[in-house]
């Protein structure tokens, strides 16, 4: 009977130790320091559904040199500077086939600032462009 008590006590202590170390590991940061639940919630910021860049307006036109361009205005919707922002445009012919794509980009767009972008069609056959799709590209 004494052996059974020793084994049972050993097993109980083993599971208590596992539970203690598991709780330490799950509440610690990469440096190994224990972080309170309050501190963890301060470190995490929930992702926002608002895109970082919003296209406010756009228009297809020709510049003074006869190049087909898409001009418009985009706005940084974040409360921080965007180190890089990009507008992407796909050009289609009248049958809906993609015939080209192009982009414009900017660095260091401040919080709430607007940007006048200009995306040029790089082909020589501007008469083939029937429509375009515009979207926000890479931002960080």
Foldseek 3Di string as FASTA:
>chain_A
DVVVVVVVVVVVVVVVVVVVVVVQVVQDDPVSDGHDPVRVVVVDDDDDPDDQKAWPDWDWDADPVRWIKIKGKMWGQDQAWWQKWKKKKFFAFPVGHTDDIWMDMDGGQGHGHMDIDMTTDPDPPPVRGDDMDMDIDDID
